C-alpha atoms as a PDB file:
ATOM      1  CA  MET A   1     -20.661 -42.551 136.514  1.00  0.00           C
ATOM      2  CA  LEU A   2     -22.931 -39.567 135.724  1.00  0.00           C
ATOM      3  CA  ALA A   3     -24.359 -41.413 132.468  1.00  0.00           C
ATOM      4  CA  TYR A   4     -24.755 -44.479 135.056  1.00  0.00           C
ATOM      5  CA  GLY A   5     -26.387 -42.126 137.626  1.00  0.00           C
ATOM      6  CA  GLU A   6     -28.998 -40.531 134.795  1.00  0.00           C
ATOM      7  CA  ALA A   7     -30.135 -44.059 133.203  1.00  0.00           C
ATOM      8  CA  GLY A   8     -33.526 -44.407 133.370  1.00  0.00           C
ATOM      9  CA  ARG A   9     -34.631 -41.148 134.956  1.00  0.00           C
ATOM     10  CA  GLY A  10     -36.051 -39.549 131.919  1.00  0.00           C
ATOM     11  CA  GLY A  11     -37.024 -36.213 132.016  1.00  0.00           C
ATOM     12  CA  GLY A  12     -39.278 -35.319 134.530  1.00  0.00           C
ATOM     13  CA  ALA A  13     -39.819 -36.336 138.117  1.00  0.00           C
ATOM     14  CA  LEU A  14     -41.012 -39.940 138.974  1.00  0.00           C
ATOM     15  CA  VAL A  15     -43.926 -40.345 141.659  1.00  0.00           C
ATOM     16  CA  ARG A  16     -44.445 -43.930 143.034  1.00  0.00           C
ATOM     17  CA  VAL A  17     -47.987 -44.609 143.832  1.00  0.00           C
ATOM     18  CA  GLU A  18     -48.410 -47.450 145.935  1.00  0.00           C
ATOM     19  CA  ILE A  19     -51.564 -49.931 146.228  1.00  0.00           C
ATOM     20  CA  GLY A  20     -53.083 -50.318 149.778  1.00  0.00           C
ATOM     21  CA  GLY A  21     -53.770 -53.846 150.833  1.00  0.00           C
ATOM     22  CA  PRO A  22     -53.170 -57.085 153.294  1.00  0.00           C
ATOM     23  CA  ASP A  23     -49.539 -56.913 152.706  1.00  0.00           C
ATOM     24  CA  ASN A  24     -48.993 -53.285 153.804  1.00  0.00           C
ATOM     25  CA  GLY A  25     -51.308 -52.978 156.535  1.00  0.00           C
ATOM     26  CA  ARG A  26     -53.663 -50.296 154.283  1.00  0.00           C
ATOM     27  CA  ALA A  27     -56.873 -50.215 153.239  1.00  0.00           C
ATOM     28  CA  ALA A  28     -57.462 -51.894 149.731  1.00  0.00           C
ATOM     29  CA  PRO A  29     -58.602 -49.382 146.637  1.00  0.00           C
ATOM     30  CA  LEU A  30     -61.839 -48.737 145.681  1.00  0.00           C
ATOM     31  CA  GLN A  31     -61.415 -48.644 142.199  1.00  0.00           C
ATOM     32  CA  ASP A  32     -60.042 -51.850 140.113  1.00  0.00           C
ATOM     33  CA  ASP A  33     -56.929 -51.852 138.061  1.00  0.00           C
ATOM     34  CA  ALA A  34     -57.898 -50.222 134.939  1.00  0.00           C
ATOM     35  CA  ARG A  35     -59.631 -47.327 136.608  1.00  0.00           C
ATOM     36  CA  ILE A  36     -56.796 -46.494 138.918  1.00  0.00           C
ATOM     37  CA  GLU A  37     -54.693 -46.728 135.625  1.00  0.00           C
ATOM     38  CA  GLU A  38     -57.124 -44.541 133.924  1.00  0.00           C
ATOM     39  CA  ARG A  39     -56.996 -42.099 136.497  1.00  0.00           C
ATOM     40  CA  LEU A  40     -53.319 -41.342 137.121  1.00  0.00           C
ATOM     41  CA  ARG A  41     -53.068 -40.700 133.337  1.00  0.00           C
ATOM     42  CA  SER A  42     -55.593 -37.876 133.304  1.00  0.00           C
ATOM     43  CA  LEU A  43     -54.093 -36.075 136.274  1.00  0.00           C
ATOM     44  CA  PRO A  44     -52.298 -32.870 135.441  1.00  0.00           C
ATOM     45  CA  GLY A  45     -48.794 -33.333 134.568  1.00  0.00           C
ATOM     46  CA  ALA A  46     -48.439 -37.177 134.037  1.00  0.00           C
ATOM     47  CA  ALA A  47     -46.710 -37.943 130.991  1.00  0.00           C
ATOM     48  CA  GLY A  48     -46.452 -41.795 131.271  1.00  0.00           C
ATOM     49  CA  VAL A  49     -47.846 -44.371 133.719  1.00  0.00           C
ATOM     50  CA  ARG A  50     -46.616 -47.866 134.225  1.00  0.00           C
ATOM     51  CA  ALA A  51     -48.011 -50.514 136.661  1.00  0.00           C
ATOM     52  CA  ARG A  52     -45.796 -53.123 138.278  1.00  0.00           C
ATOM     53  CA  ALA A  53     -46.990 -56.289 139.817  1.00  0.00           C
ATOM     54  CA  LEU A  54     -44.426 -58.526 141.880  1.00  0.00           C
ATOM     55  CA  ALA A  55     -44.666 -62.057 142.140  1.00  0.00           C
ATOM     56  CA  GLN A  56     -42.586 -64.722 143.948  1.00  0.00           C
ATOM     57  CA  VAL A  57     -41.642 -67.579 140.987  1.00  0.00           C
ATOM     58  CA  THR A  58     -39.823 -70.761 140.673  1.00  0.00           C
ATOM     59  CA  LEU A  59     -37.309 -71.252 137.659  1.00  0.00           C
ATOM     60  CA  ALA A  60     -37.414 -74.857 136.145  1.00  0.00           C
ATOM     61  CA  GLY A  61     -34.349 -76.551 137.643  1.00  0.00           C
ATOM     62  CA  GLN A  62     -33.346 -74.219 140.145  1.00  0.00           C
ATOM     63  CA  SER A  63     -34.048 -74.668 143.842  1.00  0.00           C
ATOM     64  CA  ARG A  64     -34.182 -71.035 145.062  1.00  0.00           C
ATOM     65  CA  PRO A  65     -37.026 -69.096 144.035  1.00  0.00           C
ATOM     66  CA  ALA A  66     -36.910 -65.742 142.258  1.00  0.00           C
ATOM     67  CA  PHE A  67     -39.081 -62.362 142.603  1.00  0.00           C
ATOM     68  CA  ALA A  68     -40.463 -61.030 139.067  1.00  0.00           C
ATOM     69  CA  ASP A  69     -41.430 -57.707 138.430  1.00  0.00           C
ATOM     70  CA  PHE A  70     -43.783 -57.533 135.570  1.00  0.00           C
ATOM     71  CA  TYR A  71     -44.806 -54.198 134.181  1.00  0.00           C
ATOM     72  CA  ARG A  72     -47.139 -52.543 131.457  1.00  0.00           C
ATOM     73  CA  GLY A  73     -47.716 -49.189 130.296  1.00  0.00           C
ATOM     74  CA  ASP A  74     -45.504 -47.004 129.077  1.00  0.00           C
ATOM     75  CA  ASP A  75     -42.234 -45.391 130.431  1.00  0.00           C
ATOM     76  CA  ALA A  76     -39.648 -44.275 127.613  1.00  0.00           C
ATOM     77  CA  SER A  77     -36.975 -43.910 130.317  1.00  0.00           C
ATOM     78  CA  SER A  78     -36.850 -48.029 130.824  1.00  0.00           C
ATOM     79  CA  ALA A  79     -34.762 -48.474 127.831  1.00  0.00           C
ATOM     80  CA  GLY A  80     -31.956 -46.404 129.483  1.00  0.00           C
ATOM     81  CA  ARG A  81     -31.507 -49.195 131.950  1.00  0.00           C
ATOM     82  CA  ILE A  82     -30.383 -51.954 129.139  1.00  0.00           C
ATOM     83  CA  ALA A  83     -26.973 -52.703 128.925  1.00  0.00           C
ATOM     84  CA  ARG A  84     -27.298 -55.088 126.307  1.00  0.00           C
ATOM     85  CA  GLY A  85     -30.459 -56.229 124.019  1.00  0.00           C
ATOM     86  CA  ARG A  86     -33.941 -54.915 124.821  1.00  0.00           C
ATOM     87  CA  MET A  87     -36.352 -54.186 127.269  1.00  0.00           C
ATOM     88  CA  PRO A  88     -39.287 -56.788 127.205  1.00  0.00           C
ATOM     89  CA  GLY A  89     -41.968 -56.112 124.523  1.00  0.00           C
ATOM     90  CA  ALA A  90     -44.084 -58.916 124.388  1.00  0.00           C
ATOM     91  CA  ALA A  91     -45.237 -62.045 126.046  1.00  0.00           C
ATOM     92  CA  GLY A  92     -42.897 -64.581 126.654  1.00  0.00           C
ATOM     93  CA  GLU A  93     -39.620 -61.853 127.104  1.00  0.00           C
ATOM     94  CA  LEU A  94     -37.812 -60.899 130.410  1.00  0.00           C
ATOM     95  CA  VAL A  95     -34.716 -59.055 131.384  1.00  0.00           C
ATOM     96  CA  ALA A  96     -32.333 -59.595 134.503  1.00  0.00           C
ATOM     97  CA  GLY A  97     -29.001 -57.823 135.728  1.00  0.00           C
ATOM     98  CA  PRO A  98     -25.805 -59.215 135.295  1.00  0.00           C
ATOM     99  CA  ALA A  99     -25.805 -60.833 139.110  1.00  0.00           C
ATOM    100  CA  PHE A 100     -29.041 -62.688 138.080  1.00  0.00           C
ATOM    101  CA  LEU A 101     -27.547 -64.278 134.803  1.00  0.00           C
ATOM    102  CA  THR A 102     -24.264 -65.030 136.593  1.00  0.00           C
ATOM    103  CA  GLN A 103     -25.819 -67.054 139.438  1.00  0.00           C
ATOM    104  CA  TYR A 104     -28.269 -68.705 137.100  1.00  0.00           C
ATOM    105  CA  GLY A 105     -25.744 -69.559 134.167  1.00  0.00           C
ATOM    106  CA  LEU A 106     -27.852 -67.502 131.336  1.00  0.00           C
ATOM    107  CA  ARG A 107     -26.927 -65.525 128.645  1.00  0.00           C
ATOM    108  CA  LEU A 108     -29.209 -63.402 126.251  1.00  0.00           C
ATOM    109  CA  GLY A 109     -31.550 -65.604 123.854  1.00  0.00           C
ATOM    110  CA  ASP A 110     -31.838 -68.353 126.609  1.00  0.00           C
ATOM    111  CA  ARG A 111     -35.127 -69.916 127.546  1.00  0.00           C
ATOM    112  CA  VAL A 112     -36.531 -70.276 131.071  1.00  0.00           C
ATOM    113  CA  THR A 113     -39.486 -71.832 132.571  1.00  0.00           C
ATOM    114  CA  LEU A 114     -41.196 -69.837 135.044  1.00  0.00           C
ATOM    115  CA  ALA A 115     -43.872 -71.697 137.744  1.00  0.00           C
ATOM    116  CA  LEU A 116     -45.989 -69.797 140.096  1.00  0.00           C
ATOM    117  CA  GLY A 117     -48.946 -71.463 141.788  1.00  0.00           C
ATOM    118  CA  GLY A 118     -49.192 -74.407 139.618  1.00  0.00           C
ATOM    119  CA  ARG A 119     -48.589 -72.517 136.330  1.00  0.00           C
ATOM    120  CA  GLN A 120     -46.022 -72.583 133.873  1.00  0.00           C
ATOM    121  CA  THR A 121     -44.841 -70.251 131.226  1.00  0.00           C
ATOM    122  CA  SER A 122     -41.664 -69.936 129.102  1.00  0.00           C
ATOM    123  CA  ALA A 123     -39.806 -66.642 128.723  1.00  0.00           C
ATOM    124  CA  THR A 124     -36.725 -65.756 126.774  1.00  0.00           C
ATOM    125  CA  VAL A 125     -34.116 -63.540 127.890  1.00  0.00           C
ATOM    126  CA  VAL A 126     -34.138 -60.677 125.883  1.00  0.00           C
ATOM    127  CA  GLY A 127     -31.992 -58.120 127.669  1.00  0.00           C
ATOM    128  CA  GLU A 128     -29.637 -57.564 130.317  1.00  0.00           C
ATOM    129  CA  LEU A 129     -30.234 -54.565 132.799  1.00  0.00           C
ATOM    130  CA  ILE A 130     -27.260 -52.151 133.788  1.00  0.00           C
ATOM    131  CA  ASP A 131     -27.604 -53.449 137.332  1.00  0.00           C
ATOM    132  CA  GLY A 132     -30.285 -55.477 139.027  1.00  0.00           C
ATOM    133  CA  ASN A 133     -31.054 -57.587 142.055  1.00  0.00           C
ATOM    134  CA  ALA A 134     -29.412 -61.148 142.271  1.00  0.00           C
ATOM    135  CA  ARG A 135     -33.084 -62.811 142.629  1.00  0.00           C
ATOM    136  CA  ALA A 136     -34.850 -60.619 140.539  1.00  0.00           C
ATOM    137  CA  VAL A 137     -35.940 -60.302 136.823  1.00  0.00           C
ATOM    138  CA  GLU A 138     -38.469 -57.994 135.164  1.00  0.00           C
ATOM    139  CA  ALA A 139     -41.071 -59.278 132.417  1.00  0.00           C
ATOM    140  CA  SER A 140     -43.936 -57.640 130.598  1.00  0.00           C
ATOM    141  CA  TRP A 141     -47.516 -57.889 132.061  1.00  0.00           C
ATOM    142  CA  ASP A 142     -48.525 -60.488 129.263  1.00  0.00           C
ATOM    143  CA  THR A 143     -45.628 -62.647 130.481  1.00  0.00           C
ATOM    144  CA  LEU A 144     -47.840 -62.746 134.204  1.00  0.00           C
ATOM    145  CA  LEU A 145     -51.364 -63.400 132.558  1.00  0.00           C
ATOM    146  CA  PRO A 146     -50.836 -67.408 132.030  1.00  0.00           C
ATOM    147  CA  LEU A 147     -49.510 -67.642 135.438  1.00  0.00           C
ATOM    148  CA  ALA A 148     -52.026 -65.224 137.439  1.00  0.00           C
ATOM    149  CA  PRO A 149     -54.449 -63.944 135.109  1.00  0.00           C
ATOM    150  CA  ASP A 150     -56.485 -61.963 138.089  1.00  0.00           C
ATOM    151  CA  ALA A 151     -52.796 -60.546 139.217  1.00  0.00           C
ATOM    152  CA  ARG A 152     -53.234 -56.948 140.035  1.00  0.00           C
ATOM    153  CA  ALA A 153     -50.725 -53.903 140.454  1.00  0.00           C
ATOM    154  CA  VAL A 154     -48.862 -53.233 143.593  1.00  0.00           C
ATOM    155  CA  GLU A 155     -47.390 -50.039 142.319  1.00  0.00           C
ATOM    156  CA  TYR A 156     -47.530 -47.305 139.967  1.00  0.00           C
ATOM    157  CA  GLU A 157     -44.685 -45.618 138.583  1.00  0.00           C
ATOM    158  CA  VAL A 158     -45.805 -42.199 137.177  1.00  0.00           C
ATOM    159  CA  ARG A 159     -43.590 -40.209 135.125  1.00  0.00           C
ATOM    160  CA  LEU A 160     -44.360 -36.308 135.048  1.00  0.00           C
ATOM    161  CA  ALA A 161     -43.878 -34.127 132.064  1.00  0.00           C
ATOM    162  CA  PRO A 162     -40.584 -31.840 132.771  1.00  0.00           C
ATOM    163  CA  GLY A 163     -41.558 -28.791 135.223  1.00  0.00           C
ATOM    164  CA  ALA A 164     -44.659 -30.440 136.554  1.00  0.00           C
ATOM    165  CA  ASP A 165     -45.496 -30.053 140.322  1.00  0.00           C
ATOM    166  CA  ALA A 166     -44.485 -33.763 141.905  1.00  0.00           C
ATOM    167  CA  ARG A 167     -45.824 -32.718 145.099  1.00  0.00           C
ATOM    168  CA  ALA A 168     -49.387 -31.754 143.727  1.00  0.00           C
ATOM    169  CA  TYR A 169     -49.513 -34.680 141.370  1.00  0.00           C
ATOM    170  CA  ALA A 170     -48.996 -36.861 144.741  1.00  0.00           C
ATOM    171  CA  ALA A 171     -51.571 -35.213 146.857  1.00  0.00           C
ATOM    172  CA  ALA A 172     -54.412 -35.440 143.765  1.00  0.00           C
ATOM    173  CA  ALA A 173     -53.420 -38.965 142.986  1.00  0.00           C
ATOM    174  CA  GLU A 174     -54.202 -40.222 147.196  1.00  0.00           C
ATOM    175  CA  ALA A 175     -57.240 -37.833 146.706  1.00  0.00           C
ATOM    176  CA  ALA A 176     -58.242 -40.062 143.972  1.00  0.00           C
ATOM    177  CA  ASP A 177     -58.869 -43.153 146.158  1.00  0.00           C
ATOM    178  CA  PRO A 178     -58.007 -43.693 149.806  1.00  0.00           C
ATOM    179  CA  GLY A 179     -56.335 -46.880 149.128  1.00  0.00           C
ATOM    180  CA  LEU A 180     -53.267 -45.016 146.893  1.00  0.00           C
ATOM    181  CA  ARG A 181     -50.200 -43.789 148.638  1.00  0.00           C
ATOM    182  CA  ALA A 182     -48.278 -41.430 146.528  1.00  0.00           C
ATOM    183  CA  SER A 183     -44.329 -40.555 147.109  1.00  0.00           C
ATOM    184  CA  VAL A 184     -42.188 -38.793 144.871  1.00  0.00           C
ATOM    185  CA  SER A 185     -38.887 -40.397 144.119  1.00  0.00           C
ATOM    186  CA  ASP A 186     -35.506 -38.650 145.187  1.00  0.00           C
ATOM    187  CA  ALA A 187     -34.118 -36.712 141.668  1.00  0.00           C
ATOM    188  CA  GLY A 188     -30.679 -37.494 142.938  1.00  0.00           C
ATOM    189  CA  ASN A 189     -28.157 -40.358 143.139  1.00  0.00           C
ATOM    190  CA  THR A 190     -26.399 -40.376 146.308  1.00  0.00           C
ATOM    191  CA  ALA A 191     -23.805 -43.321 144.897  1.00  0.00           C
ATOM    192  CA  THR A 192     -23.047 -41.335 142.128  1.00  0.00           C
ATOM    193  CA  THR A 193     -22.332 -38.032 143.850  1.00  0.00           C
ATOM    194  CA  THR A 194     -20.380 -40.249 146.524  1.00  0.00           C
ATOM    195  CA  VAL A 195     -18.320 -41.877 143.803  1.00  0.00           C
ATOM    196  CA  VAL A 196     -17.601 -38.782 141.722  1.00  0.00           C
ATOM    197  CA  ALA A 197     -16.972 -36.870 145.147  1.00  0.00           C
ATOM    198  CA  PHE A 198     -14.380 -39.054 146.178  1.00  0.00           C
ATOM    199  CA  SER A 199     -12.770 -39.376 142.688  1.00  0.00           C
ATOM    200  CA  THR A 200     -12.270 -36.015 142.648  1.00  0.00           C
ATOM    201  CA  VAL A 201     -10.740 -35.642 146.009  1.00  0.00           C
ATOM    202  CA  PHE A 202      -8.474 -38.764 145.154  1.00  0.00           C
ATOM    203  CA  THR A 203      -7.345 -36.848 142.150  1.00  0.00           C
ATOM    204  CA  VAL A 204      -6.537 -33.885 143.628  1.00  0.00           C
ATOM    205  CA  LEU A 205      -4.214 -35.973 146.402  1.00  0.00           C
ATOM    206  CA  LEU A 206      -2.770 -38.120 143.944  1.00  0.00           C
ATOM    207  CA  SER A 207      -1.793 -34.687 141.983  1.00  0.00           C
ATOM    208  CA  LEU A 208      -0.209 -33.109 145.325  1.00  0.00           C
ATOM    209  CA  VAL A 209       1.621 -36.109 146.336  1.00  0.00           C
ATOM    210  CA  ALA A 210       3.018 -36.520 142.849  1.00  0.00           C
ATOM    211  CA  SER A 211       4.129 -32.573 142.786  1.00  0.00           C
ATOM    212  CA  LEU A 212       5.828 -33.029 146.079  1.00  0.00           C
ATOM    213  CA  GLY A 213       7.721 -35.797 144.699  1.00  0.00           C
ATOM    214  CA  VAL A 214       8.979 -33.435 141.830  1.00  0.00           C
ATOM    215  CA  PHE A 215       9.509 -30.541 144.902  1.00  0.00           C
ATOM    216  CA  ASN A 216      11.847 -32.948 146.595  1.00  0.00           C
ATOM    217  CA  THR A 217      13.667 -34.327 143.670  1.00  0.00           C
ATOM    218  CA  VAL A 218      14.388 -30.535 142.434  1.00  0.00           C
ATOM    219  CA  LEU A 219      15.248 -29.133 146.040  1.00  0.00           C
ATOM    220  CA  LEU A 220      17.694 -32.173 146.393  1.00  0.00           C
ATOM    221  CA  GLY A 221      19.184 -31.025 142.853  1.00  0.00           C
ATOM    222  CA  THR A 222      19.308 -27.839 143.190  1.00  0.00           C
ATOM    223  CA  ARG A 223      21.260 -28.222 146.353  1.00  0.00           C
ATOM    224  CA  GLU A 224      23.742 -30.300 144.809  1.00  0.00           C
ATOM    225  CA  ARG A 225      24.408 -28.139 141.890  1.00  0.00           C
ATOM    226  CA  ARG A 226      24.796 -25.060 144.099  1.00  0.00           C
ATOM    227  CA  ARG A 227      28.268 -24.588 142.952  1.00  0.00           C
ATOM    228  CA  ASP A 228      27.232 -24.909 139.152  1.00  0.00           C
ATOM    229  CA  LEU A 229      24.156 -22.282 139.882  1.00  0.00           C
ATOM    230  CA  GLY A 230      26.818 -19.990 141.296  1.00  0.00           C
ATOM    231  CA  MET A 231      28.997 -20.282 138.700  1.00  0.00           C
ATOM    232  CA  LEU A 232      26.381 -19.464 135.956  1.00  0.00           C
ATOM    233  CA  LYS A 233      24.844 -16.760 137.866  1.00  0.00           C
ATOM    234  CA  SER A 234      28.169 -15.217 138.311  1.00  0.00           C
ATOM    235  CA  ILE A 235      28.692 -15.269 134.399  1.00  0.00           C
ATOM    236  CA  GLY A 236      25.515 -13.068 133.989  1.00  0.00           C
ATOM    237  CA  MET A 237      22.456 -15.663 134.258  1.00  0.00           C
ATOM    238  CA  THR A 238      19.458 -13.752 135.520  1.00  0.00           C
ATOM    239  CA  PRO A 239      17.323 -15.415 138.231  1.00  0.00           C
ATOM    240  CA  ARG A 240      14.351 -15.623 135.802  1.00  0.00           C
ATOM    241  CA  GLN A 241      16.832 -17.917 133.600  1.00  0.00           C
ATOM    242  CA  VAL A 242      17.462 -20.101 136.749  1.00  0.00           C
ATOM    243  CA  VAL A 243      13.467 -20.722 137.089  1.00  0.00           C
ATOM    244  CA  MET A 244      12.947 -21.493 133.509  1.00  0.00           C
ATOM    245  CA  MET A 245      16.135 -23.705 133.366  1.00  0.00           C
ATOM    246  CA  THR A 246      15.179 -25.723 136.478  1.00  0.00           C
ATOM    247  CA  VAL A 247      11.493 -25.896 135.558  1.00  0.00           C
ATOM    248  CA  THR A 248      12.248 -26.859 131.800  1.00  0.00           C
ATOM    249  CA  SER A 249      14.366 -29.485 133.547  1.00  0.00           C
ATOM    250  CA  VAL A 250      11.199 -31.385 134.743  1.00  0.00           C
ATOM    251  CA  ALA A 251       8.759 -30.465 132.179  1.00  0.00           C
ATOM    252  CA  GLY A 252      10.069 -33.059 129.780  1.00  0.00           C
ATOM    253  CA  VAL A 253       9.506 -35.943 132.737  1.00  0.00           C
ATOM    254  CA  GLY A 254       6.162 -34.547 133.476  1.00  0.00           C
ATOM    255  CA  ALA A 255       5.335 -34.952 129.478  1.00  0.00           C
ATOM    256  CA  VAL A 256       6.829 -38.476 129.338  1.00  0.00           C
ATOM    257  CA  GLY A 257       4.922 -39.728 132.575  1.00  0.00           C
ATOM    258  CA  GLY A 258       1.604 -38.068 130.913  1.00  0.00           C
ATOM    259  CA  LEU A 259       2.620 -40.194 127.598  1.00  0.00           C
ATOM    260  CA  LEU A 260       2.969 -43.542 129.712  1.00  0.00           C
ATOM    261  CA  GLY A 261       0.229 -42.503 132.296  1.00  0.00           C
ATOM    262  CA  ILE A 262      -2.488 -42.077 129.575  1.00  0.00           C
ATOM    263  CA  PRO A 263      -2.417 -45.710 128.134  1.00  0.00           C
ATOM    264  CA  LEU A 264      -1.870 -47.223 131.173  1.00  0.00           C
ATOM    265  CA  GLY A 265      -5.079 -45.126 132.833  1.00  0.00           C
ATOM    266  CA  VAL A 266      -7.248 -46.118 129.616  1.00  0.00           C
ATOM    267  CA  LEU A 267      -6.511 -49.813 130.244  1.00  0.00           C
ATOM    268  CA  ALA A 268      -7.240 -49.596 133.837  1.00  0.00           C
ATOM    269  CA  HIS A 269     -10.397 -48.059 133.396  1.00  0.00           C
ATOM    270  CA  ARG A 270     -11.590 -50.554 130.946  1.00  0.00           C
ATOM    271  CA  LEU A 271     -10.723 -53.396 133.351  1.00  0.00           C
ATOM    272  CA  VAL A 272     -11.963 -52.027 136.186  1.00  0.00           C
ATOM    273  CA  VAL A 273     -15.464 -51.006 134.676  1.00  0.00           C
ATOM    274  CA  ASP A 274     -15.766 -54.364 132.812  1.00  0.00           C
ATOM    275  CA  ASN A 275     -15.087 -56.393 135.887  1.00  0.00           C
ATOM    276  CA  VAL A 276     -17.440 -54.695 138.611  1.00  0.00           C
ATOM    277  CA  GLY A 277     -19.679 -57.850 138.536  1.00  0.00           C
ATOM    278  CA  VAL A 278     -22.903 -56.503 139.690  1.00  0.00           C
ATOM    279  CA  VAL A 279     -22.996 -53.770 137.320  1.00  0.00           C
ATOM    280  CA  SER A 280     -22.921 -54.141 133.304  1.00  0.00           C
ATOM    281  CA  PHE A 281     -22.095 -50.746 131.637  1.00  0.00           C
ATOM    282  CA  PRO A 282     -23.017 -50.376 128.023  1.00  0.00           C
ATOM    283  CA  GLU A 283     -20.291 -49.368 125.865  1.00  0.00           C
ATOM    284  CA  SER A 284     -21.916 -46.014 125.622  1.00  0.00           C
ATOM    285  CA  MET A 285     -20.924 -45.263 129.018  1.00  0.00           C
ATOM    286  CA  LYS A 286     -17.557 -46.779 128.533  1.00  0.00           C
ATOM    287  CA  ALA A 287     -16.588 -44.215 125.691  1.00  0.00           C
ATOM    288  CA  VAL A 288     -15.318 -41.326 127.643  1.00  0.00           C
ATOM    289  CA  TRP A 289     -12.177 -40.669 126.118  1.00  0.00           C
ATOM    290  CA  ASP A 290     -11.767 -38.113 123.335  1.00  0.00           C
ATOM    291  CA  ALA A 291      -8.851 -36.426 121.819  1.00  0.00           C
ATOM    292  CA  PRO A 292      -8.960 -32.719 123.731  1.00  0.00           C
ATOM    293  CA  GLN A 293      -9.683 -34.637 126.825  1.00  0.00           C
ATOM    294  CA  LEU A 294      -6.374 -36.821 126.447  1.00  0.00           C
ATOM    295  CA  SER A 295      -4.573 -33.715 125.555  1.00  0.00           C
ATOM    296  CA  GLY A 296      -5.434 -32.267 128.639  1.00  0.00           C
ATOM    297  CA  LEU A 297      -4.621 -35.255 130.358  1.00  0.00           C
ATOM    298  CA  LEU A 298      -0.982 -34.958 128.983  1.00  0.00           C
ATOM    299  CA  LEU A 299      -0.937 -31.580 129.748  1.00  0.00           C
ATOM    300  CA  ALA A 300      -1.964 -31.983 133.354  1.00  0.00           C
ATOM    301  CA  GLY A 301       1.790 -34.181 133.372  1.00  0.00           C
ATOM    302  CA  VAL A 302       3.348 -30.790 132.242  1.00  0.00           C
ATOM    303  CA  ALA A 303       1.557 -28.789 135.045  1.00  0.00           C
ATOM    304  CA  ILE A 304       2.237 -31.349 137.905  1.00  0.00           C
ATOM    305  CA  ALA A 305       6.046 -31.451 137.302  1.00  0.00           C
ATOM    306  CA  VAL A 306       6.231 -27.500 136.760  1.00  0.00           C
ATOM    307  CA  MET A 307       3.811 -27.177 139.931  1.00  0.00           C
ATOM    308  CA  GLY A 308       6.344 -29.211 141.898  1.00  0.00           C
ATOM    309  CA  ALA A 309       9.361 -27.581 140.718  1.00  0.00           C
ATOM    310  CA  LEU A 310       8.687 -24.241 140.752  1.00  0.00           C
ATOM    311  CA  VAL A 311       8.968 -23.483 144.606  1.00  0.00           C
ATOM    312  CA  PRO A 312      12.971 -25.004 144.736  1.00  0.00           C
ATOM    313  CA  ALA A 313      13.624 -22.948 141.506  1.00  0.00           C
ATOM    314  CA  ARG A 314      12.469 -19.685 142.737  1.00  0.00           C
ATOM    315  CA  SER A 315      14.661 -20.576 145.858  1.00  0.00           C
ATOM    316  CA  ALA A 316      17.674 -21.777 143.971  1.00  0.00           C
ATOM    317  CA  ALA A 317      17.182 -18.352 141.736  1.00  0.00           C
ATOM    318  CA  ARG A 318      17.335 -16.247 144.887  1.00  0.00           C
ATOM    319  CA  THR A 319      20.552 -17.858 145.861  1.00  0.00           C
ATOM    320  CA  THR A 320      23.321 -14.979 145.864  1.00  0.00           C
ATOM    321  CA  ILE A 321      26.772 -15.838 144.077  1.00  0.00           C
ATOM    322  CA  ALA A 322      28.458 -15.524 147.622  1.00  0.00           C
ATOM    323  CA  ALA A 323      26.316 -18.015 149.190  1.00  0.00           C
ATOM    324  CA  ALA A 324      26.654 -20.077 146.220  1.00  0.00           C
ATOM    325  CA  LEU A 325      30.295 -20.255 146.361  1.00  0.00           C
ATOM    326  CA  HIS A 326      31.606 -19.553 149.868  1.00  0.00           C
ATOM    327  CA  THR A 327      32.891 -23.077 150.278  1.00  0.00           C
ATOM    328  CA  GLU A 328      35.001 -22.746 147.402  1.00  0.00           C
END
């Protein structure tokens, strides 16, 4: 989830510069596309500028329209959004999210025909995004030109250099033309933070529940063996030895639980992440297991068992010989 949250974010902050016009009720910019892009690149702190045009297109053979984002410019972080294949690099190439590809029955390498305003052009699916709108595709700017030769950008995405002041850049962008509105994109990822937080809490709760199960079992076991413990203490077993005997009796069970749980957990993890549906995780995001981590999980099984057995073991160690054998 941490890798997913960082996908496509790049190193510096991201500033979105929206173009005014009739669609958003603001004044249109005084400069044309080329001048606006040149101006945004020249402002201090800009590391990459990417223009976006939006159009509602029709796919041949499909009754419902689709939304298409057409990009030009440079943003190295875009490659991090690809699960399979690559980002569009030339005319006649597009990418889409797993939900779109599934809904329209498309796979990598398939060709589709896009229509807009009586014009048509063909494009090849060259990549699958990690996620995306079920009714949206992304393509290069050169793919848009046969459909709308006079198309203008509706937004610019400016990636800043690490350490650049995003607020200052946004203010400078708005001052460059009255038809521009700039906003700083939130660097955080609420979805990732929420999932990681819930997973952490869920893990802690499961560990406590497992420990309570061990606690209950050991407590009942020590009470049933009070006579045996009393006899052992009468022939010289110390309280520390009683604790060690009780704890080690469940440590093996914890190790076995860890050995069984690790392969089952790895299998469950792969089944879950491979069947999310609206997200297609690349192999680099799913390769999260390594030997030290798995060894730690195995020791966690032992630690949970020991933690659950420690309290009843200490209670049994404090039991006096007379109390253990008073019914004999």
